Amino acid sequence: MRVTCPALVAVVAGLSLTACSTADEPEVTAVTQRFLGLAGSDPAAACTLLAPRTVERLADDAGDCAAGLRDARLRAPDSIRTVTVAIDSAQVVLSGQVVFLARFDTGWLVTAAGCTRASSDDAVPYRCPVEGD
């Protein structure tokens, strides 16, 4: 029910052009796996791993963040194919979905999850059941 997010295309484009940081990959990977693992079993805990705007969006759409995550029905963590980190943004490509993260003062937080390509055209944004503005 979500619309595509053009801002994510810009993030992805930036990642593909400037990806160079590997020091943050373990933390980005851990946050992604923890978030996806908790999303189905303890959505309230998973909400603590979301960026503030993403929490707000879920709460606006479903009444509260945990209900929004339950409604999103995210897949459990599957095998990670690639982790790309560029300055303060990250993209984790799993076998069935893509997760986007951003670095905040408190660490890496998920900005969008459960994302799939809306088209085979790289210029077309992702569709994400969980995302901020």
Protein backbone atom coordinates (compact mmCIF):
# COMPACT_ATOMS: atom_id res chain seq x y z
CA MET A 1 0.00 0.00 0.00
CA ARG A 2 3.05 2.25 0.15
CA VAL A 3 4.04 4.48 -2.70
CA THR A 4 7.50 4.39 -4.13
CA CYS A 5 10.07 6.61 -2.50
CA PRO A 6 12.09 8.74 -4.95
CA ALA A 7 14.49 9.73 -2.18
CA LEU A 8 15.61 6.11 -1.94
CA VAL A 9 16.68 6.18 -5.56
CA ALA A 10 18.98 9.08 -4.78
CA VAL A 11 20.42 7.15 -1.84
CA VAL A 12 20.96 4.06 -3.98
CA ALA A 13 22.57 6.12 -6.73
CA GLY A 14 24.87 7.74 -4.21
CA LEU A 15 25.79 4.39 -2.74
CA SER A 16 26.73 2.94 -6.06
CA LEU A 17 28.94 5.91 -6.87
CA THR A 18 30.64 6.43 -3.53
CA ALA A 19 30.61 3.12 -1.72
CA CYS A 20 33.93 2.80 0.01
CA SER A 21 33.46 2.31 3.75
CA THR A 22 33.79 -1.22 5.04
CA ALA A 23 34.41 -0.35 8.71
CA ASP A 24 30.67 0.09 9.33
CA GLU A 25 29.54 -3.05 7.48
CA PRO A 26 29.46 -5.31 10.57
CA GLU A 27 27.27 -2.87 12.52
CA VAL A 28 24.98 -2.25 9.52
CA THR A 29 24.64 -6.01 9.03
CA ALA A 30 23.92 -6.62 12.72
CA VAL A 31 21.26 -3.89 12.91
CA THR A 32 19.59 -5.23 9.76
CA GLN A 33 19.51 -8.81 11.00
CA ARG A 34 18.34 -7.80 14.48
CA PHE A 35 15.60 -5.56 13.08
CA LEU A 36 14.27 -8.18 10.68
CA GLY A 37 14.45 -10.85 13.37
CA LEU A 38 12.47 -8.73 15.83
CA ALA A 39 9.95 -7.33 13.34
CA GLY A 40 7.90 -10.53 13.36
CA SER A 41 8.38 -11.63 16.96
CA ASP A 42 8.68 -8.38 18.93
CA PRO A 43 7.67 -5.42 16.75
CA ALA A 44 7.85 -2.95 19.65
CA ALA A 45 11.52 -3.83 20.15
CA ALA A 46 12.10 -3.65 16.39
CA CYS A 47 10.72 -0.10 16.42
CA THR A 48 13.70 0.97 18.54
CA LEU A 49 15.91 0.17 15.54
CA LEU A 50 13.96 2.44 13.18
CA ALA A 51 14.79 6.02 12.24
CA PRO A 52 12.49 8.61 13.85
CA ARG A 53 10.69 9.55 10.61
CA THR A 54 10.07 5.87 9.87
CA VAL A 55 8.55 5.36 13.33
CA GLU A 56 6.35 8.43 12.77
CA ARG A 57 5.17 7.16 9.39
CA LEU A 58 4.26 3.74 10.75
CA ALA A 59 2.42 5.32 13.68
CA ASP A 60 0.54 7.68 11.35
CA ASP A 61 -0.54 4.81 9.12
CA ALA A 62 -1.39 2.17 11.73
CA GLY A 63 -1.88 3.91 15.08
CA ASP A 64 1.50 2.94 16.48
CA CYS A 65 4.85 1.68 15.24
CA ALA A 66 4.43 -1.92 16.41
CA ALA A 67 1.05 -2.23 14.70
CA GLY A 68 2.55 -0.79 11.52
CA LEU A 69 5.33 -3.37 11.55
CA ARG A 70 2.84 -6.18 12.08
CA ASP A 71 0.80 -4.88 9.15
CA ALA A 72 3.93 -4.71 6.96
CA ARG A 73 4.55 -8.46 7.39
CA LEU A 74 8.27 -8.21 6.75
CA ARG A 75 10.14 -11.34 5.79
CA ALA A 76 12.48 -12.93 8.28
CA PRO A 77 16.15 -12.21 7.64
CA ASP A 78 17.38 -14.10 4.61
CA SER A 79 20.90 -14.42 3.31
CA ILE A 80 22.70 -11.15 2.77
CA ARG A 81 24.02 -10.64 -0.74
CA THR A 82 25.70 -7.24 -0.40
CA VAL A 83 26.22 -4.50 2.15
CA THR A 84 27.06 -1.07 0.77
CA VAL A 85 27.99 1.81 3.05
CA ALA A 86 28.55 5.36 1.85
CA ILE A 87 29.29 7.96 4.51
CA ASP A 88 26.02 8.05 6.52
CA SER A 89 23.78 5.84 4.34
CA ALA A 90 23.72 2.10 3.83
CA GLN A 91 21.95 -0.45 1.68
CA VAL A 92 21.68 -4.12 2.59
CA VAL A 93 20.57 -6.39 -0.23
CA LEU A 94 19.18 -9.68 0.99
CA SER A 95 17.98 -12.53 -1.19
CA GLY A 96 14.35 -11.33 -1.10
CA GLN A 97 14.39 -7.69 -0.03
CA VAL A 98 16.47 -4.57 0.47
CA VAL A 99 16.91 -2.62 3.70
CA PHE A 100 18.12 0.99 3.87
CA LEU A 101 19.81 2.50 6.91
CA ALA A 102 21.21 5.85 8.00
CA ARG A 103 23.73 6.78 10.66
CA PHE A 104 22.34 8.83 13.55
CA ASP A 105 24.01 10.07 16.74
CA THR A 106 22.80 6.87 18.41
CA GLY A 107 24.14 4.59 15.66
CA TRP A 108 22.75 2.96 12.52
CA LEU A 109 18.95 2.90 12.21
CA VAL A 110 16.65 1.41 9.58
CA THR A 111 15.02 4.02 7.33
CA ALA A 112 13.21 1.59 4.99
CA ALA A 113 12.70 -2.18 4.98
CA GLY A 114 11.10 -4.93 2.96
CA CYS A 115 11.94 -3.00 -0.18
CA THR A 116 11.65 -4.51 -3.63
CA ARG A 117 12.30 -3.04 -7.04
CA ALA A 118 9.20 -1.51 -8.59
CA SER A 119 10.73 -2.13 -12.02
CA SER A 120 13.81 -3.63 -13.62
CA ASP A 121 14.75 -0.07 -14.58
CA ASP A 122 17.35 1.21 -12.09
CA ALA A 123 15.88 4.72 -12.37
CA VAL A 124 12.57 3.54 -10.90
CA PRO A 125 12.40 3.70 -7.09
CA TYR A 126 11.92 0.83 -4.68
CA ARG A 127 8.59 -0.07 -3.12
CA CYS A 128 8.96 -0.32 0.65
CA PRO A 129 6.24 -1.43 3.07
CA VAL A 130 8.23 0.25 5.86
CA GLU A 131 9.68 3.69 5.16
CA GLY A 132 9.85 7.26 6.40
CA ASP A 133 9.29 10.35 4.31
